mmCIF file of all heavy atoms, coordinates in Angstrom:
data_MODEL
# 
_entry.id   MODEL 
# 
loop_
_atom_site.group_PDB 
_atom_site.id 
_atom_site.type_symbol 
_atom_site.label_atom_id 
_atom_site.label_alt_id 
_atom_site.label_comp_id 
_atom_site.label_asym_id 
_atom_site.label_entity_id 
_atom_site.label_seq_id 
_atom_site.pdbx_PDB_ins_code 
_atom_site.Cartn_x 
_atom_site.Cartn_y 
_atom_site.Cartn_z 
_atom_site.occupancy 
_atom_site.B_iso_or_equiv 
_atom_site.pdbx_formal_charge 
_atom_site.auth_seq_id 
_atom_site.auth_comp_id 
_atom_site.auth_asym_id 
_atom_site.auth_atom_id 
_atom_site.pdbx_PDB_model_num 
ATOM 1   N N   . ASN A 1 1  ? 0.848   -1.174 0.052  1.00 0.00 ? 1  ASN A N   1 
ATOM 2   C CA  . ASN A 1 1  ? 0.006   0.061  0.026  1.00 0.00 ? 1  ASN A CA  1 
ATOM 3   C C   . ASN A 1 1  ? 0.873   1.242  -0.065 1.00 0.00 ? 1  ASN A C   1 
ATOM 4   O O   . ASN A 1 1  ? 2.024   1.153  0.444  1.00 0.00 ? 1  ASN A O   1 
ATOM 5   C CB  . ASN A 1 1  ? -0.982  0.038  1.139  1.00 0.00 ? 1  ASN A CB  1 
ATOM 6   C CG  . ASN A 1 1  ? -1.798  -1.243 1.384  1.00 0.00 ? 1  ASN A CG  1 
ATOM 7   O OD1 . ASN A 1 1  ? -2.244  -1.762 0.294  1.00 0.00 ? 1  ASN A OD1 1 
ATOM 8   N ND2 . ASN A 1 1  ? -2.040  -1.716 2.530  1.00 0.00 ? 1  ASN A ND2 1 
ATOM 9   N N   . ASP A 1 2  ? 0.358   2.405  -0.519 1.00 0.00 ? 2  ASP A N   1 
ATOM 10  C CA  . ASP A 1 2  ? 1.267   3.519  -0.621 1.00 0.00 ? 2  ASP A CA  1 
ATOM 11  C C   . ASP A 1 2  ? 1.395   4.092  0.726  1.00 0.00 ? 2  ASP A C   1 
ATOM 12  O O   . ASP A 1 2  ? 0.724   3.977  1.660  1.00 0.00 ? 2  ASP A O   1 
ATOM 13  C CB  . ASP A 1 2  ? 0.609   4.588  -1.510 1.00 0.00 ? 2  ASP A CB  1 
ATOM 14  C CG  . ASP A 1 2  ? -0.587  5.275  -0.908 1.00 0.00 ? 2  ASP A CG  1 
ATOM 15  O OD1 . ASP A 1 2  ? -0.345  6.290  -0.070 1.00 0.00 ? 2  ASP A OD1 1 
ATOM 16  O OD2 . ASP A 1 2  ? -1.724  4.856  -1.139 1.00 0.00 ? 2  ASP A OD2 1 
ATOM 17  N N   . PHE A 1 3  ? 2.720   4.738  0.784  1.00 0.00 ? 3  PHE A N   1 
ATOM 18  C CA  . PHE A 1 3  ? 3.296   5.256  2.046  1.00 0.00 ? 3  PHE A CA  1 
ATOM 19  C C   . PHE A 1 3  ? 2.372   6.178  2.818  1.00 0.00 ? 3  PHE A C   1 
ATOM 20  O O   . PHE A 1 3  ? 2.391   6.203  4.010  1.00 0.00 ? 3  PHE A O   1 
ATOM 21  C CB  . PHE A 1 3  ? 4.693   5.914  1.796  1.00 0.00 ? 3  PHE A CB  1 
ATOM 22  C CG  . PHE A 1 3  ? 5.299   6.390  2.998  1.00 0.00 ? 3  PHE A CG  1 
ATOM 23  C CD1 . PHE A 1 3  ? 5.894   5.727  3.872  1.00 0.00 ? 3  PHE A CD1 1 
ATOM 24  C CD2 . PHE A 1 3  ? 5.221   7.838  3.129  1.00 0.00 ? 3  PHE A CD2 1 
ATOM 25  C CE1 . PHE A 1 3  ? 6.475   6.293  4.996  1.00 0.00 ? 3  PHE A CE1 1 
ATOM 26  C CE2 . PHE A 1 3  ? 5.762   8.468  4.335  1.00 0.00 ? 3  PHE A CE2 1 
ATOM 27  C CZ  . PHE A 1 3  ? 6.443   7.628  5.212  1.00 0.00 ? 3  PHE A CZ  1 
ATOM 28  N N   . TRP A 1 4  ? 1.697   6.983  2.026  1.00 0.00 ? 4  TRP A N   1 
ATOM 29  C CA  . TRP A 1 4  ? 0.958   8.148  2.756  1.00 0.00 ? 4  TRP A CA  1 
ATOM 30  C C   . TRP A 1 4  ? -0.311  7.694  3.281  1.00 0.00 ? 4  TRP A C   1 
ATOM 31  O O   . TRP A 1 4  ? -0.798  8.375  4.276  1.00 0.00 ? 4  TRP A O   1 
ATOM 32  C CB  . TRP A 1 4  ? 0.612   9.259  1.591  1.00 0.00 ? 4  TRP A CB  1 
ATOM 33  C CG  . TRP A 1 4  ? 1.879   9.814  1.008  1.00 0.00 ? 4  TRP A CG  1 
ATOM 34  C CD1 . TRP A 1 4  ? 2.382   9.663  -0.127 1.00 0.00 ? 4  TRP A CD1 1 
ATOM 35  C CD2 . TRP A 1 4  ? 2.700   10.690 1.779  1.00 0.00 ? 4  TRP A CD2 1 
ATOM 36  N NE1 . TRP A 1 4  ? 3.566   10.360 -0.269 1.00 0.00 ? 4  TRP A NE1 1 
ATOM 37  C CE2 . TRP A 1 4  ? 3.812   11.045 0.836  1.00 0.00 ? 4  TRP A CE2 1 
ATOM 38  C CE3 . TRP A 1 4  ? 2.743   11.294 3.015  1.00 0.00 ? 4  TRP A CE3 1 
ATOM 39  C CZ2 . TRP A 1 4  ? 4.868   11.893 1.226  1.00 0.00 ? 4  TRP A CZ2 1 
ATOM 40  C CZ3 . TRP A 1 4  ? 3.804   12.082 3.381  1.00 0.00 ? 4  TRP A CZ3 1 
ATOM 41  C CH2 . TRP A 1 4  ? 4.794   12.530 2.478  1.00 0.00 ? 4  TRP A CH2 1 
ATOM 42  N N   . THR A 1 5  ? -0.935  6.553  2.895  1.00 0.00 ? 5  THR A N   1 
ATOM 43  C CA  . THR A 1 5  ? -2.195  6.138  3.427  1.00 0.00 ? 5  THR A CA  1 
ATOM 44  C C   . THR A 1 5  ? -2.237  4.977  4.292  1.00 0.00 ? 5  THR A C   1 
ATOM 45  O O   . THR A 1 5  ? -3.096  4.621  4.993  1.00 0.00 ? 5  THR A O   1 
ATOM 46  C CB  . THR A 1 5  ? -3.231  5.938  2.137  1.00 0.00 ? 5  THR A CB  1 
ATOM 47  O OG1 . THR A 1 5  ? -2.805  4.863  1.422  1.00 0.00 ? 5  THR A OG1 1 
ATOM 48  C CG2 . THR A 1 5  ? -3.527  7.170  1.475  1.00 0.00 ? 5  THR A CG2 1 
ATOM 49  N N   . ARG A 1 6  ? -1.070  4.157  4.141  1.00 0.00 ? 6  ARG A N   1 
ATOM 50  C CA  . ARG A 1 6  ? -1.169  2.948  5.046  1.00 0.00 ? 6  ARG A CA  1 
ATOM 51  C C   . ARG A 1 6  ? -0.754  3.207  6.391  1.00 0.00 ? 6  ARG A C   1 
ATOM 52  O O   . ARG A 1 6  ? -0.254  4.239  6.771  1.00 0.00 ? 6  ARG A O   1 
ATOM 53  C CB  . ARG A 1 6  ? -0.114  1.888  4.362  1.00 0.00 ? 6  ARG A CB  1 
ATOM 54  C CG  . ARG A 1 6  ? 1.435   2.359  4.601  1.00 0.00 ? 6  ARG A CG  1 
ATOM 55  C CD  . ARG A 1 6  ? 2.249   1.149  4.132  1.00 0.00 ? 6  ARG A CD  1 
ATOM 56  N NE  . ARG A 1 6  ? 3.692   1.416  4.294  1.00 0.00 ? 6  ARG A NE  1 
ATOM 57  C CZ  . ARG A 1 6  ? 4.509   1.684  3.316  1.00 0.00 ? 6  ARG A CZ  1 
ATOM 58  N NH1 . ARG A 1 6  ? 4.086   1.722  2.079  1.00 0.00 ? 6  ARG A NH1 1 
ATOM 59  N NH2 . ARG A 1 6  ? 5.854   1.876  3.665  1.00 0.00 ? 6  ARG A NH2 1 
ATOM 60  N N   . LEU A 1 7  ? -1.046  2.212  7.264  1.00 0.00 ? 7  LEU A N   1 
ATOM 61  C CA  . LEU A 1 7  ? -0.754  2.399  8.778  1.00 0.00 ? 7  LEU A CA  1 
ATOM 62  C C   . LEU A 1 7  ? 0.760   2.336  8.984  1.00 0.00 ? 7  LEU A C   1 
ATOM 63  O O   . LEU A 1 7  ? 1.520   1.495  8.371  1.00 0.00 ? 7  LEU A O   1 
ATOM 64  C CB  . LEU A 1 7  ? -1.431  1.117  9.470  1.00 0.00 ? 7  LEU A CB  1 
ATOM 65  C CG  . LEU A 1 7  ? -1.337  1.099  10.971 1.00 0.00 ? 7  LEU A CG  1 
ATOM 66  C CD1 . LEU A 1 7  ? -1.932  2.477  11.630 1.00 0.00 ? 7  LEU A CD1 1 
ATOM 67  C CD2 . LEU A 1 7  ? -1.861  -0.074 11.565 1.00 0.00 ? 7  LEU A CD2 1 
ATOM 68  N N   . SER A 1 8  ? 1.169   3.256  9.730  1.00 0.00 ? 8  SER A N   1 
ATOM 69  C CA  . SER A 1 8  ? 2.596   3.385  9.962  1.00 0.00 ? 8  SER A CA  1 
ATOM 70  C C   . SER A 1 8  ? 3.186   2.059  10.661 1.00 0.00 ? 8  SER A C   1 
ATOM 71  O O   . SER A 1 8  ? 2.501   1.497  11.523 1.00 0.00 ? 8  SER A O   1 
ATOM 72  C CB  . SER A 1 8  ? 2.957   4.556  10.840 1.00 0.00 ? 8  SER A CB  1 
ATOM 73  O OG  . SER A 1 8  ? 4.301   4.573  11.180 1.00 0.00 ? 8  SER A OG  1 
ATOM 74  N N   . ASP A 1 9  ? 4.519   1.676  10.357 1.00 0.00 ? 9  ASP A N   1 
ATOM 75  C CA  . ASP A 1 9  ? 5.097   0.628  10.969 1.00 0.00 ? 9  ASP A CA  1 
ATOM 76  C C   . ASP A 1 9  ? 5.258   0.582  12.422 1.00 0.00 ? 9  ASP A C   1 
ATOM 77  O O   . ASP A 1 9  ? 5.085   -0.331 13.216 1.00 0.00 ? 9  ASP A O   1 
ATOM 78  C CB  . ASP A 1 9  ? 6.502   0.236  10.261 1.00 0.00 ? 9  ASP A CB  1 
ATOM 79  C CG  . ASP A 1 9  ? 6.351   -0.128 8.868  1.00 0.00 ? 9  ASP A CG  1 
ATOM 80  O OD1 . ASP A 1 9  ? 5.278   -0.649 8.390  1.00 0.00 ? 9  ASP A OD1 1 
ATOM 81  O OD2 . ASP A 1 9  ? 7.300   0.176  8.125  1.00 0.00 ? 9  ASP A OD2 1 
ATOM 82  N N   . ASN A 1 10 ? 5.533   1.902  12.970 1.00 0.00 ? 10 ASN A N   1 
ATOM 83  C CA  . ASN A 1 10 ? 5.814   2.008  14.336 1.00 0.00 ? 10 ASN A CA  1 
ATOM 84  C C   . ASN A 1 10 ? 4.600   2.677  15.126 1.00 0.00 ? 10 ASN A C   1 
ATOM 85  O O   . ASN A 1 10 ? 4.835   3.428  16.068 1.00 0.00 ? 10 ASN A O   1 
ATOM 86  C CB  . ASN A 1 10 ? 7.082   2.850  14.616 1.00 0.00 ? 10 ASN A CB  1 
ATOM 87  C CG  . ASN A 1 10 ? 7.027   4.256  14.000 1.00 0.00 ? 10 ASN A CG  1 
ATOM 88  O OD1 . ASN A 1 10 ? 6.004   4.502  13.108 1.00 0.00 ? 10 ASN A OD1 1 
ATOM 89  N ND2 . ASN A 1 10 ? 8.019   5.066  14.175 1.00 0.00 ? 10 ASN A ND2 1 
ATOM 90  N N   . SER A 1 11 ? 3.351   2.453  14.584 1.00 0.00 ? 11 SER A N   1 
ATOM 91  C CA  . SER A 1 11 ? 2.199   3.083  15.209 1.00 0.00 ? 11 SER A CA  1 
ATOM 92  C C   . SER A 1 11 ? 1.939   2.506  16.557 1.00 0.00 ? 11 SER A C   1 
ATOM 93  O O   . SER A 1 11 ? 2.205   1.374  16.799 1.00 0.00 ? 11 SER A O   1 
ATOM 94  C CB  . SER A 1 11 ? 0.979   2.748  14.258 1.00 0.00 ? 11 SER A CB  1 
ATOM 95  O OG  . SER A 1 11 ? 0.868   1.467  14.084 1.00 0.00 ? 11 SER A OG  1 
ATOM 96  N N   . SER A 1 12 ? 1.475   3.351  17.351 1.00 0.00 ? 12 SER A N   1 
ATOM 97  C CA  . SER A 1 12 ? 1.154   2.973  18.771 1.00 0.00 ? 12 SER A CA  1 
ATOM 98  C C   . SER A 1 12 ? -0.287  2.463  18.807 1.00 0.00 ? 12 SER A C   1 
ATOM 99  O O   . SER A 1 12 ? -0.981  2.531  17.830 1.00 0.00 ? 12 SER A O   1 
ATOM 100 C CB  . SER A 1 12 ? 1.161   4.224  19.666 1.00 0.00 ? 12 SER A CB  1 
ATOM 101 O OG  . SER A 1 12 ? 0.272   5.279  19.357 1.00 0.00 ? 12 SER A OG  1 
ATOM 102 N N   . ARG A 1 13 ? -0.608  1.938  19.987 1.00 0.00 ? 13 ARG A N   1 
ATOM 103 C CA  . ARG A 1 13 ? -2.013  1.484  20.054 1.00 0.00 ? 13 ARG A CA  1 
ATOM 104 C C   . ARG A 1 13 ? -3.046  2.630  19.809 1.00 0.00 ? 13 ARG A C   1 
ATOM 105 O O   . ARG A 1 13 ? -4.081  2.379  19.246 1.00 0.00 ? 13 ARG A O   1 
ATOM 106 C CB  . ARG A 1 13 ? -2.208  0.896  21.533 1.00 0.00 ? 13 ARG A CB  1 
ATOM 107 C CG  . ARG A 1 13 ? -3.556  0.250  21.773 1.00 0.00 ? 13 ARG A CG  1 
ATOM 108 C CD  . ARG A 1 13 ? -3.550  -0.193 23.250 1.00 0.00 ? 13 ARG A CD  1 
ATOM 109 N NE  . ARG A 1 13 ? -4.844  -0.770 23.777 1.00 0.00 ? 13 ARG A NE  1 
ATOM 110 C CZ  . ARG A 1 13 ? -5.162  -1.991 23.598 1.00 0.00 ? 13 ARG A CZ  1 
ATOM 111 N NH1 . ARG A 1 13 ? -4.407  -2.866 23.071 1.00 0.00 ? 13 ARG A NH1 1 
ATOM 112 N NH2 . ARG A 1 13 ? -6.406  -2.471 23.945 1.00 0.00 ? 13 ARG A NH2 1 
ATOM 113 N N   . GLU A 1 14 ? -2.703  3.762  20.325 1.00 0.00 ? 14 GLU A N   1 
ATOM 114 C CA  . GLU A 1 14 ? -3.653  4.872  20.103 1.00 0.00 ? 14 GLU A CA  1 
ATOM 115 C C   . GLU A 1 14 ? -3.675  5.249  18.644 1.00 0.00 ? 14 GLU A C   1 
ATOM 116 O O   . GLU A 1 14 ? -4.730  5.656  17.980 1.00 0.00 ? 14 GLU A O   1 
ATOM 117 C CB  . GLU A 1 14 ? -3.216  6.114  20.864 1.00 0.00 ? 14 GLU A CB  1 
ATOM 118 C CG  . GLU A 1 14 ? -3.366  5.984  22.434 1.00 0.00 ? 14 GLU A CG  1 
ATOM 119 C CD  . GLU A 1 14 ? -2.356  5.041  23.039 1.00 0.00 ? 14 GLU A CD  1 
ATOM 120 O OE1 . GLU A 1 14 ? -1.326  4.781  22.268 1.00 0.00 ? 14 GLU A OE1 1 
ATOM 121 O OE2 . GLU A 1 14 ? -2.593  4.564  24.146 1.00 0.00 ? 14 GLU A OE2 1 
ATOM 122 N N   . ASP A 1 15 ? -2.469  5.186  17.912 1.00 0.00 ? 15 ASP A N   1 
ATOM 123 C CA  . ASP A 1 15 ? -2.385  5.546  16.569 1.00 0.00 ? 15 ASP A CA  1 
ATOM 124 C C   . ASP A 1 15 ? -3.298  4.464  15.666 1.00 0.00 ? 15 ASP A C   1 
ATOM 125 O O   . ASP A 1 15 ? -4.098  4.840  14.698 1.00 0.00 ? 15 ASP A O   1 
ATOM 126 C CB  . ASP A 1 15 ? -1.074  5.608  16.009 1.00 0.00 ? 15 ASP A CB  1 
ATOM 127 C CG  . ASP A 1 15 ? -0.133  6.557  16.599 1.00 0.00 ? 15 ASP A CG  1 
ATOM 128 O OD1 . ASP A 1 15 ? -0.743  7.663  16.985 1.00 0.00 ? 15 ASP A OD1 1 
ATOM 129 O OD2 . ASP A 1 15 ? 1.058   6.465  16.628 1.00 0.00 ? 15 ASP A OD2 1 
ATOM 130 N N   . GLN A 1 16 ? -3.176  3.197  16.192 1.00 0.00 ? 16 GLN A N   1 
ATOM 131 C CA  . GLN A 1 16 ? -3.864  2.262  15.346 1.00 0.00 ? 16 GLN A CA  1 
ATOM 132 C C   . GLN A 1 16 ? -5.401  2.386  15.490 1.00 0.00 ? 16 GLN A C   1 
ATOM 133 O O   . GLN A 1 16 ? -6.148  2.202  14.526 1.00 0.00 ? 16 GLN A O   1 
ATOM 134 C CB  . GLN A 1 16 ? -3.452  0.847  15.948 1.00 0.00 ? 16 GLN A CB  1 
ATOM 135 C CG  . GLN A 1 16 ? -2.193  0.471  15.593 1.00 0.00 ? 16 GLN A CG  1 
ATOM 136 C CD  . GLN A 1 16 ? -1.688  -0.843 16.382 1.00 0.00 ? 16 GLN A CD  1 
ATOM 137 O OE1 . GLN A 1 16 ? -2.402  -1.350 17.092 1.00 0.00 ? 16 GLN A OE1 1 
ATOM 138 N NE2 . GLN A 1 16 ? -0.428  -1.228 16.112 1.00 0.00 ? 16 GLN A NE2 1 
ATOM 139 N N   . LEU A 1 17 ? -5.820  2.822  16.692 1.00 0.00 ? 17 LEU A N   1 
ATOM 140 C CA  . LEU A 1 17 ? -7.331  3.007  16.926 1.00 0.00 ? 17 LEU A CA  1 
ATOM 141 C C   . LEU A 1 17 ? -7.767  4.213  16.142 1.00 0.00 ? 17 LEU A C   1 
ATOM 142 O O   . LEU A 1 17 ? -8.871  4.142  15.558 1.00 0.00 ? 17 LEU A O   1 
ATOM 143 C CB  . LEU A 1 17 ? -7.614  3.184  18.395 1.00 0.00 ? 17 LEU A CB  1 
ATOM 144 C CG  . LEU A 1 17 ? -9.094  3.442  18.645 1.00 0.00 ? 17 LEU A CG  1 
ATOM 145 C CD1 . LEU A 1 17 ? -10.006 2.295  18.247 1.00 0.00 ? 17 LEU A CD1 1 
ATOM 146 C CD2 . LEU A 1 17 ? -9.231  3.704  20.222 1.00 0.00 ? 17 LEU A CD2 1 
ATOM 147 N N   . ALA A 1 18 ? -6.966  5.251  16.124 1.00 0.00 ? 18 ALA A N   1 
ATOM 148 C CA  . ALA A 1 18 ? -7.419  6.486  15.464 1.00 0.00 ? 18 ALA A CA  1 
ATOM 149 C C   . ALA A 1 18 ? -7.383  6.183  13.821 1.00 0.00 ? 18 ALA A C   1 
ATOM 150 O O   . ALA A 1 18 ? -8.369  6.695  13.144 1.00 0.00 ? 18 ALA A O   1 
ATOM 151 C CB  . ALA A 1 18 ? -6.333  7.566  15.664 1.00 0.00 ? 18 ALA A CB  1 
ATOM 152 N N   . TYR A 1 19 ? -6.487  5.394  13.424 1.00 0.00 ? 19 TYR A N   1 
ATOM 153 C CA  . TYR A 1 19 ? -6.430  5.005  11.980 1.00 0.00 ? 19 TYR A CA  1 
ATOM 154 C C   . TYR A 1 19 ? -7.741  4.114  11.606 1.00 0.00 ? 19 TYR A C   1 
ATOM 155 O O   . TYR A 1 19 ? -8.342  4.450  10.606 1.00 0.00 ? 19 TYR A O   1 
ATOM 156 C CB  . TYR A 1 19 ? -5.240  4.219  11.648 1.00 0.00 ? 19 TYR A CB  1 
ATOM 157 C CG  . TYR A 1 19 ? -4.985  3.814  10.189 1.00 0.00 ? 19 TYR A CG  1 
ATOM 158 C CD1 . TYR A 1 19 ? -4.330  4.601  9.371  1.00 0.00 ? 19 TYR A CD1 1 
ATOM 159 C CD2 . TYR A 1 19 ? -5.618  2.574  9.636  1.00 0.00 ? 19 TYR A CD2 1 
ATOM 160 C CE1 . TYR A 1 19 ? -4.133  4.193  8.037  1.00 0.00 ? 19 TYR A CE1 1 
ATOM 161 C CE2 . TYR A 1 19 ? -5.487  2.324  8.364  1.00 0.00 ? 19 TYR A CE2 1 
ATOM 162 C CZ  . TYR A 1 19 ? -4.712  3.076  7.569  1.00 0.00 ? 19 TYR A CZ  1 
ATOM 163 O OH  . TYR A 1 19 ? -4.605  2.753  6.231  1.00 0.00 ? 19 TYR A OH  1 
ATOM 164 N N   . PHE A 1 20 ? -8.013  3.249  12.478 1.00 0.00 ? 20 PHE A N   1 
ATOM 165 C CA  . PHE A 1 20 ? -9.093  2.341  12.208 1.00 0.00 ? 20 PHE A CA  1 
ATOM 166 C C   . PHE A 1 20 ? -10.384 3.174  12.259 1.00 0.00 ? 20 PHE A C   1 
ATOM 167 O O   . PHE A 1 20 ? -11.394 2.824  11.418 1.00 0.00 ? 20 PHE A O   1 
ATOM 168 C CB  . PHE A 1 20 ? -9.221  1.263  13.446 1.00 0.00 ? 20 PHE A CB  1 
ATOM 169 C CG  . PHE A 1 20 ? -10.432 0.576  13.522 1.00 0.00 ? 20 PHE A CG  1 
ATOM 170 C CD1 . PHE A 1 20 ? -10.762 -0.414 12.450 1.00 0.00 ? 20 PHE A CD1 1 
ATOM 171 C CD2 . PHE A 1 20 ? -11.290 0.739  14.458 1.00 0.00 ? 20 PHE A CD2 1 
ATOM 172 C CE1 . PHE A 1 20 ? -12.064 -1.250 12.556 1.00 0.00 ? 20 PHE A CE1 1 
ATOM 173 C CE2 . PHE A 1 20 ? -12.602 -0.028 14.679 1.00 0.00 ? 20 PHE A CE2 1 
ATOM 174 C CZ  . PHE A 1 20 ? -12.914 -0.897 13.627 1.00 0.00 ? 20 PHE A CZ  1 
ATOM 175 N N   . GLN A 1 21 ? -10.607 4.142  13.200 1.00 0.00 ? 21 GLN A N   1 
ATOM 176 C CA  . GLN A 1 21 ? -11.824 4.918  13.258 1.00 0.00 ? 21 GLN A CA  1 
ATOM 177 C C   . GLN A 1 21 ? -11.914 5.686  12.002 1.00 0.00 ? 21 GLN A C   1 
ATOM 178 O O   . GLN A 1 21 ? -13.144 6.092  11.510 1.00 0.00 ? 21 GLN A O   1 
ATOM 179 C CB  . GLN A 1 21 ? -11.705 5.898  14.417 1.00 0.00 ? 21 GLN A CB  1 
ATOM 180 C CG  . GLN A 1 21 ? -11.815 5.058  15.718 1.00 0.00 ? 21 GLN A CG  1 
ATOM 181 C CD  . GLN A 1 21 ? -11.582 5.994  16.930 1.00 0.00 ? 21 GLN A CD  1 
ATOM 182 O OE1 . GLN A 1 21 ? -11.063 7.132  16.876 1.00 0.00 ? 21 GLN A OE1 1 
ATOM 183 N NE2 . GLN A 1 21 ? -11.919 5.565  18.198 1.00 0.00 ? 21 GLN A NE2 1 
ATOM 184 N N   . LYS A 1 22 ? -10.935 6.095  11.228 1.00 0.00 ? 22 LYS A N   1 
ATOM 185 C CA  . LYS A 1 22 ? -11.067 6.740  9.949  1.00 0.00 ? 22 LYS A CA  1 
ATOM 186 C C   . LYS A 1 22 ? -11.465 5.845  8.823  1.00 0.00 ? 22 LYS A C   1 
ATOM 187 O O   . LYS A 1 22 ? -11.966 6.355  7.850  1.00 0.00 ? 22 LYS A O   1 
ATOM 188 C CB  . LYS A 1 22 ? -9.732  7.450  9.541  1.00 0.00 ? 22 LYS A CB  1 
ATOM 189 C CG  . LYS A 1 22 ? -9.112  8.448  10.440 1.00 0.00 ? 22 LYS A CG  1 
ATOM 190 C CD  . LYS A 1 22 ? -7.881  9.119  10.114 1.00 0.00 ? 22 LYS A CD  1 
ATOM 191 C CE  . LYS A 1 22 ? -7.421  10.227 11.039 1.00 0.00 ? 22 LYS A CE  1 
ATOM 192 N NZ  . LYS A 1 22 ? -6.025  10.737 10.620 1.00 0.00 ? 22 LYS A NZ  1 
ATOM 193 N N   . LYS A 1 23 ? -11.346 4.508  9.027  1.00 0.00 ? 23 LYS A N   1 
ATOM 194 C CA  . LYS A 1 23 ? -11.711 3.579  8.008  1.00 0.00 ? 23 LYS A CA  1 
ATOM 195 C C   . LYS A 1 23 ? -13.205 3.078  8.261  1.00 0.00 ? 23 LYS A C   1 
ATOM 196 O O   . LYS A 1 23 ? -13.709 2.306  7.459  1.00 0.00 ? 23 LYS A O   1 
ATOM 197 C CB  . LYS A 1 23 ? -10.769 2.372  7.982  1.00 0.00 ? 23 LYS A CB  1 
ATOM 198 C CG  . LYS A 1 23 ? -9.363  2.780  7.717  1.00 0.00 ? 23 LYS A CG  1 
ATOM 199 C CD  . LYS A 1 23 ? -9.245  3.372  6.309  1.00 0.00 ? 23 LYS A CD  1 
ATOM 200 C CE  . LYS A 1 23 ? -7.663  3.716  6.017  1.00 0.00 ? 23 LYS A CE  1 
ATOM 201 N NZ  . LYS A 1 23 ? -7.508  4.337  4.791  1.00 0.00 ? 23 LYS A NZ  1 
ATOM 202 N N   . ILE A 1 24 ? -13.702 3.497  9.440  1.00 0.00 ? 24 ILE A N   1 
ATOM 203 C CA  . ILE A 1 24 ? -15.059 3.060  9.759  1.00 0.00 ? 24 ILE A CA  1 
ATOM 204 C C   . ILE A 1 24 ? -15.942 4.215  9.994  1.00 0.00 ? 24 ILE A C   1 
ATOM 205 O O   . ILE A 1 24 ? -15.775 5.105  10.816 1.00 0.00 ? 24 ILE A O   1 
ATOM 206 C CB  . ILE A 1 24 ? -15.089 2.143  11.002 1.00 0.00 ? 24 ILE A CB  1 
ATOM 207 C CG1 . ILE A 1 24 ? -14.177 0.972  10.992 1.00 0.00 ? 24 ILE A CG1 1 
ATOM 208 C CG2 . ILE A 1 24 ? -16.514 1.746  11.468 1.00 0.00 ? 24 ILE A CG2 1 
ATOM 209 C CD1 . ILE A 1 24 ? -14.590 -0.091 10.156 1.00 0.00 ? 24 ILE A CD1 1 
# 
């Protein structure tokens, strides 16, 4: 997936939830 839209490799638990919420 392209660098700008994919989930970061070093994302924290909070980052992952924030990313998920943008996809739902």
